[in-house]
């Protein structure tokens, strides 16, 4: 897991908590901020996922090239 995956997951979780807290107290502004934080967290996690895929593909290509 890279830093973007970890930070994205944390943002997503804090966004869910913020959204639910906003719902609980009836504060639409906090609810909306929570949803936006979740979107940002999911985007950051997706960037991290893509980085991991590239890293894994590079490692695999090195292994294949080294075995020839």
PDB file of N, CA and C in Angstrom:
ATOM      1  N   UNK A   1       0.857  -1.171   0.000  1.00  0.00           N
ATOM      2  CA  UNK A   1       0.000   0.000   0.000  1.00  0.00           C
ATOM      3  C   UNK A   1       0.907   1.239   0.000  1.00  0.00           C
ATOM      4  N   UNK A   2       0.648   2.145  -0.911  1.00  0.00           N
ATOM      5  CA  UNK A   2       1.443   3.374  -0.963  1.00  0.00           C
ATOM      6  C   UNK A   2       0.724   4.504  -0.230  1.00  0.00           C
ATOM      7  N   UNK A   3       1.413   5.655  -0.138  1.00  0.00           N
ATOM      8  CA  UNK A   3       0.870   6.758   0.657  1.00  0.00           C
ATOM      9  C   UNK A   3      -0.444   7.308   0.093  1.00  0.00           C
ATOM     10  N   UNK A   4      -0.603   7.304  -1.233  1.00  0.00           N
ATOM     11  CA  UNK A   4      -1.859   7.806  -1.800  1.00  0.00           C
ATOM     12  C   UNK A   4      -3.018   6.881  -1.467  1.00  0.00           C
ATOM     13  N   UNK A   5      -2.776   5.598  -1.480  1.00  0.00           N
ATOM     14  CA  UNK A   5      -3.834   4.656  -1.110  1.00  0.00           C
ATOM     15  C   UNK A   5      -4.235   4.858   0.355  1.00  0.00           C
ATOM     16  N   UNK A   6      -3.237   4.989   1.221  1.00  0.00           N
ATOM     17  CA  UNK A   6      -3.516   5.154   2.653  1.00  0.00           C
ATOM     18  C   UNK A   6      -4.221   6.474   2.931  1.00  0.00           C
ATOM     19  N   UNK A   7      -3.689   7.564   2.398  1.00  0.00           N
ATOM     20  CA  UNK A   7      -4.299   8.877   2.635  1.00  0.00           C
ATOM     21  C   UNK A   7      -5.703   8.959   2.044  1.00  0.00           C
ATOM     22  N   UNK A   8      -5.892   8.355   0.873  1.00  0.00           N
ATOM     23  CA  UNK A   8      -7.214   8.354   0.251  1.00  0.00           C
ATOM     24  C   UNK A   8      -8.229   7.600   1.084  1.00  0.00           C
ATOM     25  N   UNK A   9      -7.813   6.477   1.628  1.00  0.00           N
ATOM     26  CA  UNK A   9      -8.707   5.685   2.477  1.00  0.00           C
ATOM     27  C   UNK A   9      -9.079   6.462   3.737  1.00  0.00           C
ATOM     28  N   UNK A  10      -8.083   7.128   4.330  1.00  0.00           N
ATOM     29  CA  UNK A  10      -8.345   7.917   5.536  1.00  0.00           C
ATOM     30  C   UNK A  10      -9.297   9.068   5.229  1.00  0.00           C
ATOM     31  N   UNK A  11      -9.086   9.766   4.103  1.00  0.00           N
ATOM     32  CA  UNK A  11      -9.987  10.859   3.714  1.00  0.00           C
ATOM     33  C   UNK A  11     -11.408  10.342   3.518  1.00  0.00           C
ATOM     34  N   UNK A  12     -11.523   9.197   2.889  1.00  0.00           N
ATOM     35  CA  UNK A  12     -12.843   8.615   2.637  1.00  0.00           C
ATOM     36  C   UNK A  12     -13.555   8.333   3.962  1.00  0.00           C
ATOM     37  N   UNK A  13     -12.845   7.727   4.894  1.00  0.00           N
ATOM     38  CA  UNK A  13     -13.444   7.397   6.188  1.00  0.00           C
ATOM     39  C   UNK A  13     -13.828   8.654   6.954  1.00  0.00           C
ATOM     40  N   UNK A  14     -12.931   9.638   6.991  1.00  0.00           N
ATOM     41  CA  UNK A  14     -13.269  10.874   7.711  1.00  0.00           C
ATOM     42  C   UNK A  14     -14.427  11.601   7.037  1.00  0.00           C
ATOM     43  N   UNK A  15     -14.505  11.499   5.728  1.00  0.00           N
ATOM     44  CA  UNK A  15     -15.632  12.094   5.010  1.00  0.00           C
ATOM     45  C   UNK A  15     -16.949  11.431   5.364  1.00  0.00           C
ATOM     46  N   UNK A  16     -16.921  10.105   5.501  1.00  0.00           N
ATOM     47  CA  UNK A  16     -18.148   9.390   5.894  1.00  0.00           C
ATOM     48  C   UNK A  16     -18.582   9.811   7.287  1.00  0.00           C
ATOM     49  N   UNK A  17     -17.610   9.915   8.191  1.00  0.00           N
ATOM     50  CA  UNK A  17     -17.932  10.338   9.562  1.00  0.00           C
ATOM     51  C   UNK A  17     -18.508  11.756   9.545  1.00  0.00           C
ATOM     52  N   UNK A  18     -17.878  12.645   8.787  1.00  0.00           N
ATOM     53  CA  UNK A  18     -18.348  14.032   8.706  1.00  0.00           C
ATOM     54  C   UNK A  18     -19.751  14.098   8.105  1.00  0.00           C
ATOM     55  N   UNK A  19     -19.988  13.302   7.070  1.00  0.00           N
ATOM     56  CA  UNK A  19     -21.319  13.284   6.452  1.00  0.00           C
ATOM     57  C   UNK A  19     -22.375  12.820   7.451  1.00  0.00           C
ATOM     58  N   UNK A  20     -22.083  11.739   8.152  1.00  0.00           N
ATOM     59  CA  UNK A  20     -23.049  11.206   9.111  1.00  0.00           C
ATOM     60  C   UNK A  20     -23.266  12.168  10.278  1.00  0.00           C
ATOM     61  N   UNK A  21     -22.199  12.830  10.722  1.00  0.00           N
ATOM     62  CA  UNK A  21     -22.341  13.818  11.799  1.00  0.00           C
ATOM     63  C   UNK A  21     -23.225  14.974  11.328  1.00  0.00           C
ATOM     64  N   UNK A  22     -23.029  15.397  10.086  1.00  0.00           N
ATOM     65  CA  UNK A  22     -23.868  16.459   9.528  1.00  0.00           C
ATOM     66  C   UNK A  22     -25.328  16.053   9.468  1.00  0.00           C
ATOM     67  N   UNK A  23     -25.572  14.793   9.079  1.00  0.00           N
ATOM     68  CA  UNK A  23     -26.955  14.292   9.041  1.00  0.00           C
ATOM     69  C   UNK A  23     -27.556  14.271  10.441  1.00  0.00           C
ATOM     70  N   UNK A  24     -26.749  13.826  11.393  1.00  0.00           N
ATOM     71  CA  UNK A  24     -27.225  13.670  12.764  1.00  0.00           C
ATOM     72  C   UNK A  24     -27.660  15.000  13.373  1.00  0.00           C
ATOM     73  N   UNK A  25     -26.888  16.049  13.119  1.00  0.00           N
ATOM     74  CA  UNK A  25     -27.228  17.357  13.711  1.00  0.00           C
ATOM     75  C   UNK A  25     -28.027  18.239  12.755  1.00  0.00           C
ATOM     76  N   UNK A  26     -28.275  17.740  11.552  1.00  0.00           N
ATOM     77  CA  UNK A  26     -29.074  18.499  10.598  1.00  0.00           C
ATOM     78  C   UNK A  26     -28.315  19.635   9.933  1.00  0.00           C
ATOM     79  N   UNK A  27     -27.005  19.463   9.772  1.00  0.00           N
ATOM     80  CA  UNK A  27     -26.169  20.493   9.166  1.00  0.00           C
ATOM     81  C   UNK A  27     -25.788  20.065   7.748  1.00  0.00           C
ATOM     82  N   UNK A  28     -26.512  20.606   6.778  1.00  0.00           N
ATOM     83  CA  UNK A  28     -26.302  20.233   5.372  1.00  0.00           C
ATOM     84  C   UNK A  28     -24.896  20.597   4.883  1.00  0.00           C
ATOM     85  N   UNK A  29     -24.354  21.707   5.404  1.00  0.00           N
ATOM     86  CA  UNK A  29     -23.022  22.141   4.978  1.00  0.00           C
ATOM     87  C   UNK A  29     -21.969  21.089   5.366  1.00  0.00           C
ATOM     88  N   UNK A  30     -22.037  20.596   6.599  1.00  0.00           N
ATOM     89  CA  UNK A  30     -21.088  19.569   7.040  1.00  0.00           C
ATOM     90  C   UNK A  30     -21.309  18.254   6.293  1.00  0.00           C
ATOM     91  N   UNK A  31     -22.555  17.954   6.031  1.00  0.00           N
ATOM     92  CA  UNK A  31     -22.903  16.749   5.276  1.00  0.00           C
ATOM     93  C   UNK A  31     -22.278  16.809   3.876  1.00  0.00           C
ATOM     94  N   UNK A  32     -22.406  17.952   3.234  1.00  0.00           N
ATOM     95  CA  UNK A  32     -21.852  18.144   1.888  1.00  0.00           C
ATOM     96  C   UNK A  32     -20.328  18.093   1.914  1.00  0.00           C
ATOM     97  N   UNK A  33     -19.720  18.725   2.910  1.00  0.00           N
ATOM     98  CA  UNK A  33     -18.262  18.677   3.038  1.00  0.00           C
ATOM     99  C   UNK A  33     -17.779  17.231   3.188  1.00  0.00           C
ATOM    100  N   UNK A  34     -18.540  16.455   3.922  1.00  0.00           N
ATOM    101  CA  UNK A  34     -18.189  15.045   4.107  1.00  0.00           C
ATOM    102  C   UNK A  34     -18.241  14.277   2.798  1.00  0.00           C
ATOM    103  N   UNK A  35     -19.263  14.531   2.013  1.00  0.00           N
ATOM    104  CA  UNK A  35     -19.389  13.858   0.713  1.00  0.00           C
ATOM    105  C   UNK A  35     -18.230  14.267  -0.206  1.00  0.00           C
ATOM    106  N   UNK A  36     -17.897  15.553  -0.214  1.00  0.00           N
ATOM    107  CA  UNK A  36     -16.791  16.029  -1.052  1.00  0.00           C
ATOM    108  C   UNK A  36     -15.460  15.426  -0.607  1.00  0.00           C
ATOM    109  N   UNK A  37     -15.281  15.272   0.702  1.00  0.00           N
ATOM    110  CA  UNK A  37     -14.060  14.658   1.217  1.00  0.00           C
ATOM    111  C   UNK A  37     -13.977  13.191   0.784  1.00  0.00           C
ATOM    112  N   UNK A  38     -15.123  12.521   0.732  1.00  0.00           N
ATOM    113  CA  UNK A  38     -15.146  11.134   0.275  1.00  0.00           C
ATOM    114  C   UNK A  38     -14.747  11.041  -1.197  1.00  0.00           C
ATOM    115  N   UNK A  39     -15.252  11.955  -2.003  1.00  0.00           N
ATOM    116  CA  UNK A  39     -14.912  11.985  -3.430  1.00  0.00           C
ATOM    117  C   UNK A  39     -13.412  12.201  -3.600  1.00  0.00           C
ATOM    118  N   UNK A  40     -12.863  13.155  -2.850  1.00  0.00           N
ATOM    119  CA  UNK A  40     -11.424  13.425  -2.926  1.00  0.00           C
ATOM    120  C   UNK A  40     -10.620  12.214  -2.460  1.00  0.00           C
ATOM    121  N   UNK A  41     -11.085  11.573  -1.420  1.00  0.00           N
ATOM    122  CA  UNK A  41     -10.400  10.392  -0.907  1.00  0.00           C
ATOM    123  C   UNK A  41     -10.413   9.253  -1.906  1.00  0.00           C
ATOM    124  N   UNK A  42     -11.550   9.040  -2.540  1.00  0.00           N
ATOM    125  CA  UNK A  42     -11.644   7.979  -3.546  1.00  0.00           C
ATOM    126  C   UNK A  42     -10.746   8.269  -4.742  1.00  0.00           C
ATOM    127  N   UNK A  43     -10.669   9.537  -5.124  1.00  0.00           N
ATOM    128  CA  UNK A  43      -9.797   9.914  -6.242  1.00  0.00           C
ATOM    129  C   UNK A  43      -8.332   9.681  -5.883  1.00  0.00           C
ATOM    130  N   UNK A  44      -7.950  10.072  -4.686  1.00  0.00           N
ATOM    131  CA  UNK A  44      -6.563   9.891  -4.266  1.00  0.00           C
ATOM    132  C   UNK A  44      -6.222   8.403  -4.157  1.00  0.00           C
ATOM    133  N   UNK A  45      -7.150   7.613  -3.660  1.00  0.00           N
ATOM    134  CA  UNK A  45      -6.918   6.167  -3.571  1.00  0.00           C
ATOM    135  C   UNK A  45      -6.779   5.568  -4.966  1.00  0.00           C
ATOM    136  N   UNK A  46      -7.561   6.052  -5.916  1.00  0.00           N
ATOM    137  CA  UNK A  46      -7.464   5.558  -7.294  1.00  0.00           C
ATOM    138  C   UNK A  46      -6.099   5.879  -7.900  1.00  0.00           C
ATOM    139  N   UNK A  47      -5.576   7.058  -7.602  1.00  0.00           N
ATOM    140  CA  UNK A  47      -4.229   7.407  -8.063  1.00  0.00           C
ATOM    141  C   UNK A  47      -3.219   6.436  -7.469  1.00  0.00           C
ATOM    142  N   UNK A  48      -3.368   6.158  -6.198  1.00  0.00           N
ATOM    143  CA  UNK A  48      -2.479   5.204  -5.536  1.00  0.00           C
ATOM    144  C   UNK A  48      -2.590   3.815  -6.124  1.00  0.00           C
ATOM    145  N   UNK A  49      -3.809   3.402  -6.440  1.00  0.00           N
ATOM    146  CA  UNK A  49      -4.012   2.085  -7.067  1.00  0.00           C
ATOM    147  C   UNK A  49      -3.305   2.022  -8.416  1.00  0.00           C
ATOM    148  N   UNK A  50      -3.414   3.096  -9.189  1.00  0.00           N
ATOM    149  CA  UNK A  50      -2.764   3.138 -10.505  1.00  0.00           C
ATOM    150  C   UNK A  50      -1.250   3.079 -10.354  1.00  0.00           C
ATOM    151  N   UNK A  51      -0.714   3.791  -9.366  1.00  0.00           N
ATOM    152  CA  UNK A  51       0.733   3.757  -9.127  1.00  0.00           C
ATOM    153  C   UNK A  51       1.187   2.344  -8.784  1.00  0.00           C
ATOM    154  N   UNK A  52       0.406   1.650  -7.976  1.00  0.00           N
ATOM    155  CA  UNK A  52       0.748   0.272  -7.607  1.00  0.00           C
ATOM    156  C   UNK A  52       0.735  -0.643  -8.836  1.00  0.00           C
ATOM    157  N   UNK A  53      -0.248  -0.443  -9.702  1.00  0.00           N
ATOM    158  CA  UNK A  53      -0.312  -1.259 -10.917  1.00  0.00           C
ATOM    159  C   UNK A  53       0.916  -1.047 -11.791  1.00  0.00           C
ATOM    160  N   UNK A  54       1.336   0.199 -11.933  1.00  0.00           N
ATOM    161  CA  UNK A  54       2.521   0.506 -12.732  1.00  0.00           C
ATOM    162  C   UNK A  54       3.757  -0.119 -12.088  1.00  0.00           C
ATOM    163  N   UNK A  55       3.864   0.011 -10.780  1.00  0.00           N
ATOM    164  CA  UNK A  55       5.008  -0.554 -10.059  1.00  0.00           C
ATOM    165  C   UNK A  55       5.051  -2.075 -10.236  1.00  0.00           C
ATOM    166  N   UNK A  56       3.898  -2.719 -10.090  1.00  0.00           N
ATOM    167  CA  UNK A  56       3.835  -4.176 -10.256  1.00  0.00           C
ATOM    168  C   UNK A  56       4.159  -4.593 -11.689  1.00  0.00           C
ATOM    169  N   UNK A  57       3.679  -3.830 -12.660  1.00  0.00           N
ATOM    170  CA  UNK A  57       3.948  -4.145 -14.066  1.00  0.00           C
ATOM    171  C   UNK A  57       5.437  -4.002 -14.369  1.00  0.00           C
ATOM    172  N   UNK A  58       6.058  -2.974 -13.813  1.00  0.00           N
ATOM    173  CA  UNK A  58       7.506  -2.793 -13.998  1.00  0.00           C
ATOM    174  C   UNK A  58       8.279  -3.961 -13.418  1.00  0.00           C
ATOM    175  N   UNK A  59       7.909  -4.364 -12.216  1.00  0.00           N
ATOM    176  CA  UNK A  59       8.588  -5.477 -11.559  1.00  0.00           C
ATOM    177  C   UNK A  59       8.417  -6.756 -12.373  1.00  0.00           C
ATOM    178  N   UNK A  60       7.228  -6.957 -12.877  1.00  0.00           N
ATOM    179  CA  UNK A  60       6.959  -8.151 -13.681  1.00  0.00           C
ATOM    180  C   UNK A  60       7.773  -8.113 -14.982  1.00  0.00           C
ATOM    181  N   UNK A  61       7.839  -6.950 -15.617  1.00  0.00           N
ATOM    182  CA  UNK A  61       8.606  -6.819 -16.859  1.00  0.00           C
ATOM    183  C   UNK A  61      10.087  -7.073 -16.617  1.00  0.00           C
ATOM    184  N   UNK A  62      10.600  -6.600 -15.482  1.00  0.00           N
ATOM    185  CA  UNK A  62      11.991  -6.851 -15.114  1.00  0.00           C
ATOM    186  C   UNK A  62      12.247  -8.338 -14.925  1.00  0.00           C
ATOM    187  N   UNK A  63      11.311  -8.993 -14.244  1.00  0.00           N
ATOM    188  CA  UNK A  63      11.447 -10.436 -14.006  1.00  0.00           C
ATOM    189  C   UNK A  63      11.461 -11.209 -15.314  1.00  0.00           C
ATOM    190  N   UNK A  64      10.563 -10.838 -16.204  1.00  0.00           N
ATOM    191  CA  UNK A  64      10.464 -11.518 -17.497  1.00  0.00           C
ATOM    192  C   UNK A  64      11.728 -11.268 -18.305  1.00  0.00           C
ATOM    193  N   UNK A  65      12.201 -10.030 -18.322  1.00  0.00           N
ATOM    194  CA  UNK A  65      13.410  -9.692 -19.083  1.00  0.00           C
ATOM    195  C   UNK A  65      14.645 -10.372 -18.498  1.00  0.00           C
ATOM    196  N   UNK A  66      14.670 -10.505 -17.185  1.00  0.00           N
ATOM    197  CA  UNK A  66      15.810 -11.133 -16.536  1.00  0.00           C
ATOM    198  C   UNK A  66      15.856 -12.630 -16.702  1.00  0.00           C
ATOM    199  N   UNK A  67      14.736 -13.239 -16.987  1.00  0.00           N
ATOM    200  CA  UNK A  67      14.693 -14.705 -17.123  1.00  0.00           C
ATOM    201  C   UNK A  67      15.011 -15.157 -18.549  1.00  0.00           C
ATOM    202  N   UNK A  68      15.256 -14.229 -19.445  1.00  0.00           N
ATOM    203  CA  UNK A  68      15.554 -14.604 -20.843  1.00  0.00           C
ATOM    204  C   UNK A  68      17.023 -14.639 -21.088  1.00  0.00           C
TER     205      UNK A  68
END
